[in-house]
């Protein structure tokens, strides 16, 4: 039996800030990563909102 570990609110907030920073950088320097980072940001925001 495996259990799914939900990250803490602090961990989610930290990762969300990292993704936002990476997304801003990607928009300038790495446009091929923008879509993936945007999707990760949406996912993290959804997890954060469910808390």
PDB file of N, CA and C in Angstrom:
ATOM      1  N   UNK A   1       0.844  -1.183   0.000  1.00  0.00           N
ATOM      2  CA  UNK A   1       0.000   0.000   0.000  1.00  0.00           C
ATOM      3  C   UNK A   1       0.888   1.245   0.000  1.00  0.00           C
ATOM      4  N   UNK A   2       0.595   2.152  -0.910  1.00  0.00           N
ATOM      5  CA  UNK A   2       1.343   3.402  -0.952  1.00  0.00           C
ATOM      6  C   UNK A   2       0.422   4.546  -0.587  1.00  0.00           C
ATOM      7  N   UNK A   3       0.974   5.521   0.049  1.00  0.00           N
ATOM      8  CA  UNK A   3       0.195   6.708   0.393  1.00  0.00           C
ATOM      9  C   UNK A   3       0.750   7.882  -0.386  1.00  0.00           C
ATOM     10  N   UNK A   4      -0.125   8.755  -0.763  1.00  0.00           N
ATOM     11  CA  UNK A   4       0.283   9.944  -1.504  1.00  0.00           C
ATOM     12  C   UNK A   4       0.546  11.064  -0.509  1.00  0.00           C
ATOM     13  N   UNK A   5       1.748  11.584  -0.551  1.00  0.00           N
ATOM     14  CA  UNK A   5       2.134  12.654   0.362  1.00  0.00           C
ATOM     15  C   UNK A   5       1.885  13.998  -0.301  1.00  0.00           C
ATOM     16  N   UNK A   6       1.026  14.792   0.287  1.00  0.00           N
ATOM     17  CA  UNK A   6       0.769  16.144  -0.196  1.00  0.00           C
ATOM     18  C   UNK A   6       1.837  17.076   0.356  1.00  0.00           C
ATOM     19  N   UNK A   7       2.435  17.889  -0.496  1.00  0.00           N
ATOM     20  CA  UNK A   7       3.425  18.842   0.013  1.00  0.00           C
ATOM     21  C   UNK A   7       2.764  19.885   0.919  1.00  0.00           C
ATOM     22  N   UNK A   8       3.544  20.414   1.818  1.00  0.00           N
ATOM     23  CA  UNK A   8       3.023  21.422   2.727  1.00  0.00           C
ATOM     24  C   UNK A   8       2.729  22.711   1.968  1.00  0.00           C
ATOM     25  N   UNK A   9       1.950  23.578   2.580  1.00  0.00           N
ATOM     26  CA  UNK A   9       1.629  24.865   1.961  1.00  0.00           C
ATOM     27  C   UNK A   9       2.897  25.673   1.724  1.00  0.00           C
ATOM     28  N   UNK A  10       3.827  25.603   2.649  1.00  0.00           N
ATOM     29  CA  UNK A  10       5.089  26.335   2.499  1.00  0.00           C
ATOM     30  C   UNK A  10       5.882  25.794   1.315  1.00  0.00           C
ATOM     31  N   UNK A  11       5.898  24.465   1.166  1.00  0.00           N
ATOM     32  CA  UNK A  11       6.625  23.855   0.046  1.00  0.00           C
ATOM     33  C   UNK A  11       5.969  24.237  -1.277  1.00  0.00           C
ATOM     34  N   UNK A  12       4.643  24.236  -1.320  1.00  0.00           N
ATOM     35  CA  UNK A  12       3.939  24.644  -2.537  1.00  0.00           C
ATOM     36  C   UNK A  12       4.231  26.099  -2.877  1.00  0.00           C
ATOM     37  N   UNK A  13       4.192  26.960  -1.879  1.00  0.00           N
ATOM     38  CA  UNK A  13       4.454  28.383  -2.112  1.00  0.00           C
ATOM     39  C   UNK A  13       5.883  28.583  -2.619  1.00  0.00           C
ATOM     40  N   UNK A  14       6.820  27.862  -2.043  1.00  0.00           N
ATOM     41  CA  UNK A  14       8.222  27.970  -2.467  1.00  0.00           C
ATOM     42  C   UNK A  14       8.382  27.515  -3.911  1.00  0.00           C
ATOM     43  N   UNK A  15       7.788  26.369  -4.254  1.00  0.00           N
ATOM     44  CA  UNK A  15       7.899  25.853  -5.619  1.00  0.00           C
ATOM     45  C   UNK A  15       7.203  26.788  -6.605  1.00  0.00           C
ATOM     46  N   UNK A  16       6.064  27.353  -6.211  1.00  0.00           N
ATOM     47  CA  UNK A  16       5.356  28.282  -7.075  1.00  0.00           C
ATOM     48  C   UNK A  16       6.221  29.505  -7.378  1.00  0.00           C
ATOM     49  N   UNK A  17       6.913  30.022  -6.379  1.00  0.00           N
ATOM     50  CA  UNK A  17       7.813  31.161  -6.605  1.00  0.00           C
ATOM     51  C   UNK A  17       8.946  30.778  -7.558  1.00  0.00           C
ATOM     52  N   UNK A  18       9.478  29.566  -7.391  1.00  0.00           N
ATOM     53  CA  UNK A  18      10.541  29.104  -8.294  1.00  0.00           C
ATOM     54  C   UNK A  18      10.043  29.026  -9.732  1.00  0.00           C
ATOM     55  N   UNK A  19       8.851  28.464  -9.909  1.00  0.00           N
ATOM     56  CA  UNK A  19       8.292  28.315 -11.254  1.00  0.00           C
ATOM     57  C   UNK A  19       8.016  29.684 -11.866  1.00  0.00           C
ATOM     58  N   UNK A  20       7.481  30.607 -11.068  1.00  0.00           N
ATOM     59  CA  UNK A  20       7.225  31.958 -11.587  1.00  0.00           C
ATOM     60  C   UNK A  20       8.523  32.634 -12.017  1.00  0.00           C
ATOM     61  N   UNK A  21       9.570  32.463 -11.234  1.00  0.00           N
ATOM     62  CA  UNK A  21      10.879  33.030 -11.585  1.00  0.00           C
ATOM     63  C   UNK A  21      11.415  32.393 -12.868  1.00  0.00           C
ATOM     64  N   UNK A  22      11.329  31.059 -12.939  1.00  0.00           N
ATOM     65  CA  UNK A  22      11.790  30.349 -14.132  1.00  0.00           C
ATOM     66  C   UNK A  22      10.971  30.735 -15.355  1.00  0.00           C
ATOM     67  N   UNK A  23       9.682  30.934 -15.181  1.00  0.00           N
ATOM     68  CA  UNK A  23       8.805  31.320 -16.282  1.00  0.00           C
ATOM     69  C   UNK A  23       9.179  32.700 -16.813  1.00  0.00           C
ATOM     70  N   UNK A  24       9.428  33.640 -15.920  1.00  0.00           N
ATOM     71  CA  UNK A  24       9.840  34.980 -16.351  1.00  0.00           C
ATOM     72  C   UNK A  24      11.149  34.913 -17.131  1.00  0.00           C
ATOM     73  N   UNK A  25      12.066  34.093 -16.665  1.00  0.00           N
ATOM     74  CA  UNK A  25      13.350  33.929 -17.347  1.00  0.00           C
ATOM     75  C   UNK A  25      13.155  33.247 -18.705  1.00  0.00           C
ATOM     76  N   UNK A  26      12.295  32.251 -18.757  1.00  0.00           N
ATOM     77  CA  UNK A  26      12.061  31.509 -19.998  1.00  0.00           C
ATOM     78  C   UNK A  26      11.423  32.391 -21.064  1.00  0.00           C
ATOM     79  N   UNK A  27      10.563  33.299 -20.643  1.00  0.00           N
ATOM     80  CA  UNK A  27       9.920  34.189 -21.616  1.00  0.00           C
ATOM     81  C   UNK A  27      10.948  35.010 -22.369  1.00  0.00           C
ATOM     82  N   UNK A  28      12.064  35.314 -21.731  1.00  0.00           N
ATOM     83  CA  UNK A  28      13.127  36.092 -22.375  1.00  0.00           C
ATOM     84  C   UNK A  28      14.138  35.205 -23.090  1.00  0.00           C
ATOM     85  N   UNK A  29      14.561  34.145 -22.437  1.00  0.00           N
ATOM     86  CA  UNK A  29      15.714  33.386 -22.897  1.00  0.00           C
ATOM     87  C   UNK A  29      15.411  31.993 -23.444  1.00  0.00           C
ATOM     88  N   UNK A  30      14.265  31.430 -23.118  1.00  0.00           N
ATOM     89  CA  UNK A  30      14.015  30.022 -23.423  1.00  0.00           C
ATOM     90  C   UNK A  30      12.536  29.800 -23.756  1.00  0.00           C
ATOM     91  N   UNK A  31      12.028  30.406 -24.831  1.00  0.00           N
ATOM     92  CA  UNK A  31      10.593  30.357 -25.092  1.00  0.00           C
ATOM     93  C   UNK A  31      10.017  28.954 -25.269  1.00  0.00           C
ATOM     94  N   UNK A  32      10.846  27.972 -25.608  1.00  0.00           N
ATOM     95  CA  UNK A  32      10.323  26.615 -25.773  1.00  0.00           C
ATOM     96  C   UNK A  32       9.892  25.986 -24.453  1.00  0.00           C
ATOM     97  N   UNK A  33      10.292  26.552 -23.316  1.00  0.00           N
ATOM     98  CA  UNK A  33       9.909  26.023 -22.006  1.00  0.00           C
ATOM     99  C   UNK A  33       8.716  26.749 -21.386  1.00  0.00           C
ATOM    100  N   UNK A  34       8.241  27.792 -22.031  1.00  0.00           N
ATOM    101  CA  UNK A  34       7.158  28.600 -21.461  1.00  0.00           C
ATOM    102  C   UNK A  34       5.899  27.763 -21.236  1.00  0.00           C
ATOM    103  N   UNK A  35       5.512  26.960 -22.209  1.00  0.00           N
ATOM    104  CA  UNK A  35       4.280  26.183 -22.079  1.00  0.00           C
ATOM    105  C   UNK A  35       4.344  25.230 -20.883  1.00  0.00           C
ATOM    106  N   UNK A  36       5.424  24.481 -20.766  1.00  0.00           N
ATOM    107  CA  UNK A  36       5.559  23.519 -19.672  1.00  0.00           C
ATOM    108  C   UNK A  36       5.542  24.218 -18.309  1.00  0.00           C
ATOM    109  N   UNK A  37       6.230  25.334 -18.218  1.00  0.00           N
ATOM    110  CA  UNK A  37       6.255  26.071 -16.946  1.00  0.00           C
ATOM    111  C   UNK A  37       4.893  26.665 -16.623  1.00  0.00           C
ATOM    112  N   UNK A  38       4.187  27.128 -17.646  1.00  0.00           N
ATOM    113  CA  UNK A  38       2.840  27.673 -17.437  1.00  0.00           C
ATOM    114  C   UNK A  38       1.910  26.586 -16.909  1.00  0.00           C
ATOM    115  N   UNK A  39       2.017  25.382 -17.464  1.00  0.00           N
ATOM    116  CA  UNK A  39       1.199  24.261 -16.999  1.00  0.00           C
ATOM    117  C   UNK A  39       1.547  23.882 -15.562  1.00  0.00           C
ATOM    118  N   UNK A  40       2.823  23.863 -15.233  1.00  0.00           N
ATOM    119  CA  UNK A  40       3.225  23.541 -13.855  1.00  0.00           C
ATOM    120  C   UNK A  40       2.709  24.602 -12.893  1.00  0.00           C
ATOM    121  N   UNK A  41       2.760  25.867 -13.304  1.00  0.00           N
ATOM    122  CA  UNK A  41       2.262  26.956 -12.460  1.00  0.00           C
ATOM    123  C   UNK A  41       0.768  26.777 -12.188  1.00  0.00           C
ATOM    124  N   UNK A  42      -0.001  26.429 -13.209  1.00  0.00           N
ATOM    125  CA  UNK A  42      -1.444  26.209 -13.039  1.00  0.00           C
ATOM    126  C   UNK A  42      -1.703  25.060 -12.076  1.00  0.00           C
ATOM    127  N   UNK A  43      -0.933  23.992 -12.221  1.00  0.00           N
ATOM    128  CA  UNK A  43      -1.089  22.834 -11.351  1.00  0.00           C
ATOM    129  C   UNK A  43      -0.806  23.208  -9.896  1.00  0.00           C
ATOM    130  N   UNK A  44       0.281  23.919  -9.678  1.00  0.00           N
ATOM    131  CA  UNK A  44       0.643  24.328  -8.320  1.00  0.00           C
ATOM    132  C   UNK A  44      -0.402  25.268  -7.729  1.00  0.00           C
ATOM    133  N   UNK A  45      -0.905  26.195  -8.532  1.00  0.00           N
ATOM    134  CA  UNK A  45      -1.931  27.105  -8.052  1.00  0.00           C
ATOM    135  C   UNK A  45      -3.195  26.344  -7.658  1.00  0.00           C
ATOM    136  N   UNK A  46      -3.527  25.325  -8.440  1.00  0.00           N
ATOM    137  CA  UNK A  46      -4.693  24.486  -8.105  1.00  0.00           C
ATOM    138  C   UNK A  46      -4.502  23.755  -6.794  1.00  0.00           C
ATOM    139  N   UNK A  47      -3.322  23.194  -6.598  1.00  0.00           N
ATOM    140  CA  UNK A  47      -3.023  22.496  -5.338  1.00  0.00           C
ATOM    141  C   UNK A  47      -3.081  23.478  -4.170  1.00  0.00           C
ATOM    142  N   UNK A  48      -2.544  24.653  -4.372  1.00  0.00           N
ATOM    143  CA  UNK A  48      -2.517  25.653  -3.311  1.00  0.00           C
ATOM    144  C   UNK A  48      -3.941  26.109  -2.966  1.00  0.00           C
ATOM    145  N   UNK A  49      -4.781  26.253  -3.976  1.00  0.00           N
ATOM    146  CA  UNK A  49      -6.157  26.713  -3.772  1.00  0.00           C
ATOM    147  C   UNK A  49      -6.996  25.671  -3.018  1.00  0.00           C
ATOM    148  N   UNK A  50      -6.669  24.388  -3.187  1.00  0.00           N
ATOM    149  CA  UNK A  50      -7.431  23.326  -2.517  1.00  0.00           C
ATOM    150  C   UNK A  50      -7.093  23.205  -1.040  1.00  0.00           C
ATOM    151  N   UNK A  51      -6.097  23.914  -0.566  1.00  0.00           N
ATOM    152  CA  UNK A  51      -5.704  23.825   0.832  1.00  0.00           C
ATOM    153  C   UNK A  51      -6.618  24.617   1.709  1.00  0.00           C
TER     154      UNK A  51
END
